[in-house]
Amino acid sequence: MAGASMKDIKLRIKSVQSTMQITKAMELVASSKLRRAKERAESTRPYFATLRQALEDIAQSNTDFSSPFVQPGEVGRACYVVIAGDRGLAGGYNNNLFKAVWEHMDGQDAAQRPCVLPIGKKAVELCQRRGMESLSDAYASVEALSLRDCFSIAKLLCEKFRQGAFDALYVGYTKFVSMLSQQPDVAKVLPIRHERQPSQKAQSLIEYEPGAAAVYNAIVPEYVGGVLWGAVAESLASELGARRTAMDAASKNAGEMIEDLSLKYNRARQGAITQEITEIVAGAEA
């Protein structure tokens, strides 16, 4: 019995060691990709901040300004761009994002089911399982998504918005706070709100050709594309950070399991040796 127990423990130790090698390798891969993803996420932030400031300048400096992208609609329906991961093994990264998005959807008008544009394999699969209306299932890989793809998505969303398919656009993504902290968020993109102070008067110091509204409407898709690109970069960095943390924790747990199993193996081995000595002594006395 002792020999069989020792054999089982030894096989278990080898199995845990193999798992530990896999988690260590995945942690190293995530760490190597994380630095580039973090730099990309930080470099995208000034881009759409500049476009946002340009939109603010146009809206604040024109008294006769009017655009469909700033007018609240009457449809009562929202559209969500959900940016999730391509793979699992990232702790609660995907589940936390989905929970935040579903909670936000619950606050919308129940009579109008929201439509979704999923980005990432996990988001596409979840929307298909839930039977939600999807504008496109062509973006099932976050890591392969390019800046051109983001502008194509933005153009599609802006056209649908102007056609009245929905009157509110939200982006569900995960903010990259730090290497150890990622925060799911749902941000409103359309319609764009411009706050004007009561004492502030609109003064048009710049002439726009063919007009302020036309220039504004041309910038909005670029702005939405920049927001999406920034959200994708933030989400990718967050996914890698979450996976790195999860694999590091898994490796530590595997190490603790190996120590515990080694202790049990040594105890079983010592028990077997003691039993053999006892049997030899008993046989000699007989």
Protein backbone atom coordinates (compact mmCIF):
# COMPACT_ATOMS: atom_id res chain seq x y z
CA MET A 1 0.00 0.00 0.00
CA ALA A 2 2.83 2.35 0.88
CA GLY A 3 4.59 1.65 -2.43
CA ALA A 4 1.45 2.33 -4.46
CA SER A 5 0.88 5.57 -2.53
CA MET A 6 4.44 6.71 -3.23
CA LYS A 7 4.01 5.98 -6.93
CA ASP A 8 0.80 7.99 -7.12
CA ILE A 9 2.40 10.93 -5.34
CA LYS A 10 5.41 10.83 -7.65
CA LEU A 11 3.17 10.86 -10.75
CA ARG A 12 1.23 13.75 -9.27
CA ILE A 13 4.44 15.71 -8.68
CA LYS A 14 5.51 15.21 -12.31
CA SER A 15 2.08 16.32 -13.53
CA VAL A 16 2.20 19.51 -11.44
CA GLN A 17 5.76 20.22 -12.61
CA SER A 18 4.63 19.94 -16.25
CA THR A 19 1.78 22.36 -15.56
CA MET A 20 4.17 24.74 -13.83
CA GLN A 21 6.44 24.77 -16.88
CA ILE A 22 3.47 25.76 -19.06
CA THR A 23 2.35 28.55 -16.73
CA LYS A 24 5.91 29.87 -16.47
CA ALA A 25 6.22 29.92 -20.27
CA MET A 26 2.88 31.73 -20.64
CA GLU A 27 3.93 34.26 -18.00
CA LEU A 28 7.16 34.98 -19.90
CA VAL A 29 5.32 35.38 -23.21
CA ALA A 30 2.78 37.76 -21.64
CA SER A 31 5.57 39.76 -19.99
CA SER A 32 7.46 40.11 -23.28
CA LYS A 33 4.35 41.38 -25.10
CA LEU A 34 3.17 43.58 -22.24
CA ARG A 35 5.85 46.27 -22.59
CA ARG A 36 5.01 46.96 -26.25
CA ALA A 37 1.28 46.89 -25.54
CA LYS A 38 1.72 49.31 -22.63
CA GLU A 39 3.74 51.72 -24.78
CA ARG A 40 1.12 51.57 -27.54
CA ALA A 41 -1.71 52.23 -25.08
CA GLU A 42 0.09 55.27 -23.69
CA SER A 43 0.97 56.63 -27.15
CA THR A 44 -2.64 56.48 -28.41
CA ARG A 45 -4.09 58.69 -25.65
CA PRO A 46 -2.91 62.08 -27.03
CA TYR A 47 -4.33 61.29 -30.51
CA PHE A 48 -8.03 61.23 -29.75
CA ALA A 49 -7.54 63.88 -27.03
CA THR A 50 -6.38 66.26 -29.79
CA LEU A 51 -9.34 65.36 -32.00
CA ARG A 52 -11.69 65.88 -29.07
CA GLN A 53 -10.22 69.32 -28.51
CA ALA A 54 -10.73 70.17 -32.20
CA LEU A 55 -14.39 69.16 -31.92
CA GLU A 56 -14.74 71.30 -28.80
CA ASP A 57 -13.21 74.31 -30.55
CA ILE A 58 -15.61 74.03 -33.50
CA ALA A 59 -18.66 73.59 -31.29
CA GLN A 60 -17.75 76.40 -28.90
CA SER A 61 -16.81 78.96 -31.55
CA ASN A 62 -19.90 78.75 -33.78
CA THR A 63 -23.30 80.09 -32.74
CA ASP A 64 -25.19 78.44 -35.61
CA PHE A 65 -23.52 75.07 -35.08
CA SER A 66 -25.64 71.98 -35.70
CA SER A 67 -24.66 68.34 -36.18
CA PRO A 68 -26.49 64.99 -35.97
CA PHE A 69 -23.65 63.71 -33.79
CA VAL A 70 -24.55 66.09 -30.94
CA GLN A 71 -28.34 65.84 -31.10
CA PRO A 72 -30.04 63.39 -28.71
CA GLY A 73 -32.08 60.87 -30.69
CA GLU A 74 -35.61 59.61 -30.23
CA VAL A 75 -35.04 55.94 -31.04
CA GLY A 76 -34.20 54.98 -27.47
CA ARG A 77 -31.81 52.26 -28.61
CA ALA A 78 -28.12 51.90 -27.82
CA CYS A 79 -25.21 50.15 -29.51
CA TYR A 80 -22.28 48.66 -27.61
CA VAL A 81 -18.79 47.95 -28.89
CA VAL A 82 -17.56 45.17 -26.58
CA ILE A 83 -13.79 44.62 -26.62
CA ALA A 84 -12.84 41.36 -24.88
CA GLY A 85 -9.95 38.91 -25.14
CA ASP A 86 -9.04 36.30 -27.72
CA ARG A 87 -8.14 33.62 -25.15
CA GLY A 88 -8.80 32.68 -21.56
CA LEU A 89 -6.32 32.00 -18.75
CA ALA A 90 -6.37 35.69 -17.78
CA GLY A 91 -8.10 35.51 -14.42
CA GLY A 92 -11.38 37.43 -14.32
CA TYR A 93 -10.48 39.74 -17.21
CA ASN A 94 -13.28 38.73 -19.60
CA ASN A 95 -15.92 38.03 -16.94
CA ASN A 96 -15.38 41.39 -15.23
CA LEU A 97 -15.81 43.22 -18.53
CA PHE A 98 -18.95 41.31 -19.49
CA LYS A 99 -20.44 41.94 -16.06
CA ALA A 100 -19.85 45.69 -16.38
CA VAL A 101 -21.40 45.78 -19.87
CA TRP A 102 -24.49 43.73 -18.91
CA GLU A 103 -25.08 45.90 -15.84
CA HIS A 104 -24.93 48.99 -18.05
CA MET A 105 -27.33 47.41 -20.55
CA ASP A 106 -29.82 46.69 -17.78
CA GLY A 107 -30.16 50.44 -17.28
CA GLN A 108 -31.27 50.97 -20.88
CA ASP A 109 -34.82 50.90 -22.23
CA ALA A 110 -36.01 47.29 -21.98
CA ALA A 111 -38.35 47.74 -24.97
CA GLN A 112 -35.40 48.38 -27.31
CA ARG A 113 -32.84 45.59 -27.25
CA PRO A 114 -29.35 47.03 -27.80
CA CYS A 115 -27.23 45.92 -30.72
CA VAL A 116 -23.60 44.89 -30.29
CA LEU A 117 -20.39 45.01 -32.27
CA PRO A 118 -18.11 42.44 -30.57
CA ILE A 119 -14.32 42.61 -30.88
CA GLY A 120 -12.35 39.59 -29.72
CA LYS A 121 -13.11 35.89 -29.88
CA LYS A 122 -14.63 35.71 -26.38
CA ALA A 123 -16.96 38.64 -27.10
CA VAL A 124 -18.11 37.14 -30.42
CA GLU A 125 -18.80 33.76 -28.84
CA LEU A 126 -20.72 35.25 -25.91
CA CYS A 127 -22.91 37.43 -28.13
CA GLN A 128 -23.72 34.42 -30.30
CA ARG A 129 -24.69 32.35 -27.26
CA ARG A 130 -26.93 35.12 -25.96
CA GLY A 131 -28.56 35.60 -29.37
CA MET A 132 -27.83 39.33 -29.48
CA GLU A 133 -28.08 41.37 -32.68
CA SER A 134 -24.54 41.88 -33.97
CA LEU A 135 -23.56 44.51 -36.50
CA SER A 136 -20.53 42.44 -37.54
CA ASP A 137 -18.70 39.28 -36.44
CA ALA A 138 -15.66 39.95 -38.60
CA TYR A 139 -13.42 41.22 -35.80
CA ALA A 140 -12.80 38.09 -33.75
CA SER A 141 -9.14 38.86 -33.01
CA VAL A 142 -8.11 41.83 -30.89
CA GLU A 143 -4.40 41.26 -31.43
CA ALA A 144 -4.79 41.28 -35.22
CA LEU A 145 -6.98 44.41 -35.27
CA SER A 146 -5.28 47.28 -37.11
CA LEU A 147 -5.79 51.03 -37.10
CA ARG A 148 -7.46 50.72 -40.52
CA ASP A 149 -9.94 48.24 -39.06
CA CYS A 150 -10.81 50.69 -36.29
CA PHE A 151 -11.53 53.44 -38.81
CA SER A 152 -13.66 51.02 -40.86
CA ILE A 153 -15.64 50.15 -37.72
CA ALA A 154 -15.99 53.86 -36.87
CA LYS A 155 -17.30 54.65 -40.36
CA LEU A 156 -19.87 51.85 -40.09
CA LEU A 157 -21.02 52.98 -36.64
CA CYS A 158 -21.31 56.65 -37.66
CA GLU A 159 -23.36 55.73 -40.74
CA LYS A 160 -25.71 53.59 -38.62
CA PHE A 161 -25.98 56.42 -36.10
CA ARG A 162 -26.92 58.97 -38.74
CA GLN A 163 -29.44 56.54 -40.27
CA GLY A 164 -31.17 56.19 -36.91
CA ALA A 165 -30.37 52.54 -36.26
CA PHE A 166 -29.43 53.63 -32.71
CA ASP A 167 -29.05 56.95 -30.96
CA ALA A 168 -26.33 56.16 -28.40
CA LEU A 169 -22.95 54.51 -28.81
CA TYR A 170 -20.95 53.01 -25.94
CA VAL A 171 -17.58 51.27 -25.82
CA GLY A 172 -17.01 48.55 -23.24
CA TYR A 173 -13.31 47.96 -22.66
CA THR A 174 -10.75 47.51 -19.88
CA LYS A 175 -8.58 50.40 -18.74
CA PHE A 176 -4.91 49.65 -18.21
CA VAL A 177 -4.21 51.26 -14.81
CA SER A 178 -0.95 49.47 -14.01
CA MET A 179 0.79 46.13 -14.43
CA LEU A 180 -1.27 44.71 -11.57
CA SER A 181 -4.51 46.66 -11.97
CA GLN A 182 -7.05 46.66 -14.82
CA GLN A 183 -10.45 48.33 -14.59
CA PRO A 184 -13.46 47.52 -16.84
CA ASP A 185 -15.30 50.57 -18.09
CA VAL A 186 -18.23 51.51 -20.35
CA ALA A 187 -17.66 54.90 -22.02
CA LYS A 188 -20.20 56.92 -24.00
CA VAL A 189 -18.94 57.98 -27.43
CA LEU A 190 -22.03 59.28 -29.27
CA PRO A 191 -23.80 61.66 -29.13
CA ILE A 192 -21.00 64.05 -28.18
CA ARG A 193 -21.83 66.52 -25.44
CA HIS A 194 -20.25 69.97 -25.32
CA GLU A 195 -20.57 71.87 -22.08
CA ARG A 196 -20.69 75.64 -22.50
CA GLN A 197 -20.46 77.94 -19.53
CA PRO A 198 -23.33 80.48 -19.17
CA SER A 199 -20.90 83.39 -19.39
CA GLN A 200 -19.12 81.95 -22.42
CA LYS A 201 -20.06 83.42 -25.77
CA ALA A 202 -19.46 81.73 -29.06
CA GLN A 203 -16.92 83.64 -31.12
CA SER A 204 -16.02 82.27 -34.50
CA LEU A 205 -12.37 83.18 -35.02
CA ILE A 206 -11.77 80.52 -37.68
CA GLU A 207 -13.60 80.11 -40.96
CA TYR A 208 -14.22 76.53 -42.01
CA GLU A 209 -14.75 75.46 -45.61
CA PRO A 210 -17.26 74.31 -46.72
CA GLY A 211 -18.67 75.00 -43.23
CA ALA A 212 -18.20 74.35 -39.54
CA ALA A 213 -20.83 71.59 -39.44
CA ALA A 214 -19.34 69.84 -42.49
CA VAL A 215 -15.84 69.89 -40.99
CA TYR A 216 -17.21 68.69 -37.65
CA ASN A 217 -19.10 65.80 -39.27
CA ALA A 218 -15.94 64.81 -41.16
CA ILE A 219 -13.85 64.77 -37.96
CA VAL A 220 -16.30 62.74 -35.87
CA PRO A 221 -15.61 59.37 -37.63
CA GLU A 222 -11.87 60.00 -37.19
CA TYR A 223 -12.49 60.78 -33.53
CA VAL A 224 -14.57 57.61 -33.04
CA GLY A 225 -11.87 55.57 -34.80
CA GLY A 226 -9.26 57.07 -32.49
CA VAL A 227 -11.36 56.24 -29.44
CA LEU A 228 -11.76 52.64 -30.63
CA TRP A 229 -8.05 52.29 -31.36
CA GLY A 230 -7.20 53.63 -27.92
CA ALA A 231 -9.73 51.28 -26.29
CA VAL A 232 -8.30 48.31 -28.21
CA ALA A 233 -4.76 49.21 -27.14
CA GLU A 234 -5.86 49.61 -23.51
CA SER A 235 -7.76 46.30 -23.60
CA LEU A 236 -4.88 44.37 -25.14
CA ALA A 237 -2.44 45.69 -22.54
CA SER A 238 -4.96 44.88 -19.80
CA GLU A 239 -5.43 41.33 -21.10
CA LEU A 240 -1.69 40.69 -21.14
CA GLY A 241 -1.30 42.20 -17.67
CA ALA A 242 -4.15 40.06 -16.32
CA ARG A 243 -2.72 36.92 -17.94
CA ARG A 244 0.75 37.64 -16.58
CA THR A 245 -0.66 38.08 -13.06
CA ALA A 246 -2.82 34.95 -13.35
CA MET A 247 0.06 32.80 -14.64
CA ASP A 248 2.38 34.12 -11.93
CA ALA A 249 -0.19 33.16 -9.28
CA ALA A 250 -0.67 29.74 -10.93
CA SER A 251 3.09 29.12 -10.92
CA LYS A 252 3.32 30.03 -7.24
CA ASN A 253 0.40 27.73 -6.42
CA ALA A 254 2.05 24.92 -8.40
CA GLY A 255 5.27 25.44 -6.45
CA GLU A 256 3.38 25.22 -3.16
CA MET A 257 1.63 22.04 -4.33
CA ILE A 258 5.00 20.49 -5.28
CA GLU A 259 6.41 21.28 -1.84
CA ASP A 260 3.37 19.75 -0.13
CA LEU A 261 3.47 16.65 -2.34
CA SER A 262 7.22 16.26 -1.80
CA LEU A 263 6.65 16.36 1.95
CA LYS A 264 3.96 13.67 1.65
CA TYR A 265 6.24 11.59 -0.58
CA ASN A 266 9.10 11.77 1.93
CA ARG A 267 6.75 10.80 4.75
CA ALA A 268 5.41 7.84 2.76
CA ARG A 269 8.97 6.81 1.87
CA GLN A 270 10.07 7.05 5.50
CA GLY A 271 7.02 5.01 6.55
CA ALA A 272 7.86 2.31 4.01
CA ILE A 273 11.47 2.14 5.24
CA THR A 274 10.34 1.95 8.86
CA GLN A 275 7.89 -0.84 8.01
CA GLU A 276 10.60 -2.82 6.23
CA ILE A 277 12.98 -2.46 9.20
CA THR A 278 10.24 -3.53 11.58
CA GLU A 279 9.51 -6.62 9.47
CA ILE A 280 13.23 -7.55 9.32
CA VAL A 281 13.62 -7.16 13.10
CA ALA A 282 10.45 -9.18 13.74
CA GLY A 283 11.67 -11.96 11.41
CA ALA A 284 15.09 -12.09 13.12
CA GLU A 285 13.50 -12.38 16.56
CA ALA A 286 11.23 -15.17 15.36
